[in-house]
Amino acid sequence: MMKRRTGPPRVRLKPEALWEQIRRRNLSQNELADRAGISSGYLSQLISGRKSPSPEVRRRLQTALNITHFDELFVLEYEDEPATKRH
């Protein structure tokens, strides 16, 4: 059965990419949260996928880590729903 994309995409933080950037810069999760101007609890929710970062938070994280390309830290996910059969 074919599926089709529905609604706008959800932006998800790539946790493995974030941890690599944190390691490269010798930062802690709390230090990154401070640099990005967000709470460490919120950053934890982004890492676990429980929350989706707003455009402003994405910009702050990219700035804090000096990352210019969206896809270095984030991925777009689409919800799929089964396609309806046409008669």
Protein backbone atom coordinates (compact mmCIF):
# COMPACT_ATOMS: atom_id res chain seq x y z
CA MET A 1 0.00 0.00 0.00
CA MET A 2 1.40 3.39 -0.96
CA LYS A 3 1.67 6.16 1.58
CA ARG A 4 1.52 9.86 1.07
CA ARG A 5 2.91 12.71 3.07
CA THR A 6 0.47 14.74 5.07
CA GLY A 7 0.80 18.14 6.64
CA PRO A 8 3.93 20.15 7.16
CA PRO A 9 7.19 18.40 7.99
CA ARG A 10 8.38 18.10 11.57
CA VAL A 11 11.92 19.28 12.26
CA ARG A 12 13.92 16.91 14.43
CA LEU A 13 17.32 17.45 15.98
CA LYS A 14 19.87 14.78 15.02
CA PRO A 15 21.17 13.75 18.46
CA GLU A 16 24.24 11.92 17.15
CA ALA A 17 25.30 14.99 15.16
CA LEU A 18 24.72 17.27 18.14
CA TRP A 19 26.81 15.07 20.46
CA GLU A 20 29.63 15.06 17.91
CA GLN A 21 29.56 18.87 17.77
CA ILE A 22 29.53 19.08 21.58
CA ARG A 23 32.52 16.72 21.80
CA ARG A 24 34.47 18.63 19.13
CA ARG A 25 34.03 21.84 21.08
CA ASN A 26 34.67 20.26 24.47
CA LEU A 27 31.33 21.52 25.78
CA SER A 28 28.82 20.09 28.18
CA GLN A 29 25.11 19.93 27.42
CA ASN A 30 24.56 22.70 30.00
CA GLU A 31 27.21 24.92 28.41
CA LEU A 32 25.60 24.54 24.99
CA ALA A 33 22.18 25.34 26.43
CA ASP A 34 23.62 28.49 28.03
CA ARG A 35 25.28 29.56 24.78
CA ALA A 36 22.04 28.99 22.88
CA GLY A 37 19.94 30.79 25.49
CA ILE A 38 17.71 27.81 26.23
CA SER A 39 17.31 25.66 29.33
CA SER A 40 19.23 22.42 29.63
CA GLY A 41 15.90 20.65 30.21
CA TYR A 42 14.53 21.94 26.91
CA LEU A 43 17.74 20.91 25.14
CA SER A 44 17.32 17.45 26.65
CA GLN A 45 13.77 17.28 25.22
CA LEU A 46 15.10 18.26 21.79
CA ILE A 47 17.80 15.58 21.98
CA SER A 48 15.30 12.88 22.97
CA GLY A 49 12.89 13.92 20.21
CA ARG A 50 10.08 14.82 22.62
CA LYS A 51 10.11 18.40 21.33
CA SER A 52 10.67 19.91 17.91
CA PRO A 53 12.87 23.03 17.80
CA SER A 54 11.32 26.29 16.66
CA PRO A 55 13.06 28.26 13.90
CA GLU A 56 14.50 30.60 16.56
CA VAL A 57 15.91 27.74 18.64
CA ARG A 58 17.38 26.13 15.51
CA ARG A 59 19.09 29.42 14.69
CA ARG A 60 20.41 29.76 18.24
CA LEU A 61 21.84 26.24 18.26
CA GLN A 62 23.46 26.73 14.87
CA THR A 63 24.96 30.04 16.01
CA ALA A 64 26.20 28.58 19.31
CA LEU A 65 27.94 25.77 17.41
CA ASN A 66 29.00 27.93 14.44
CA ILE A 67 27.10 25.68 12.02
CA THR A 68 25.76 27.18 8.81
CA HIS A 69 23.92 24.26 7.18
CA PHE A 70 20.52 23.17 8.50
CA ASP A 71 21.07 19.52 7.63
CA GLU A 72 24.19 19.25 9.78
CA LEU A 73 22.01 19.26 12.91
CA PHE A 74 18.41 18.82 11.78
CA VAL A 75 16.25 16.59 9.63
CA LEU A 76 12.74 17.05 8.25
CA GLU A 77 10.29 14.24 8.99
CA TYR A 78 6.94 13.80 7.34
CA GLU A 79 3.99 11.92 8.73
CA ASP A 80 2.80 9.30 6.31
CA GLU A 81 -0.74 8.11 5.97
CA PRO A 82 -1.96 5.26 3.81
CA ALA A 83 -3.14 6.40 0.41
CA THR A 84 -6.82 5.87 -0.19
CA LYS A 85 -7.77 3.55 -3.01
CA ARG A 86 -9.47 5.10 -5.98
CA HIS A 87 -12.24 3.23 -7.73
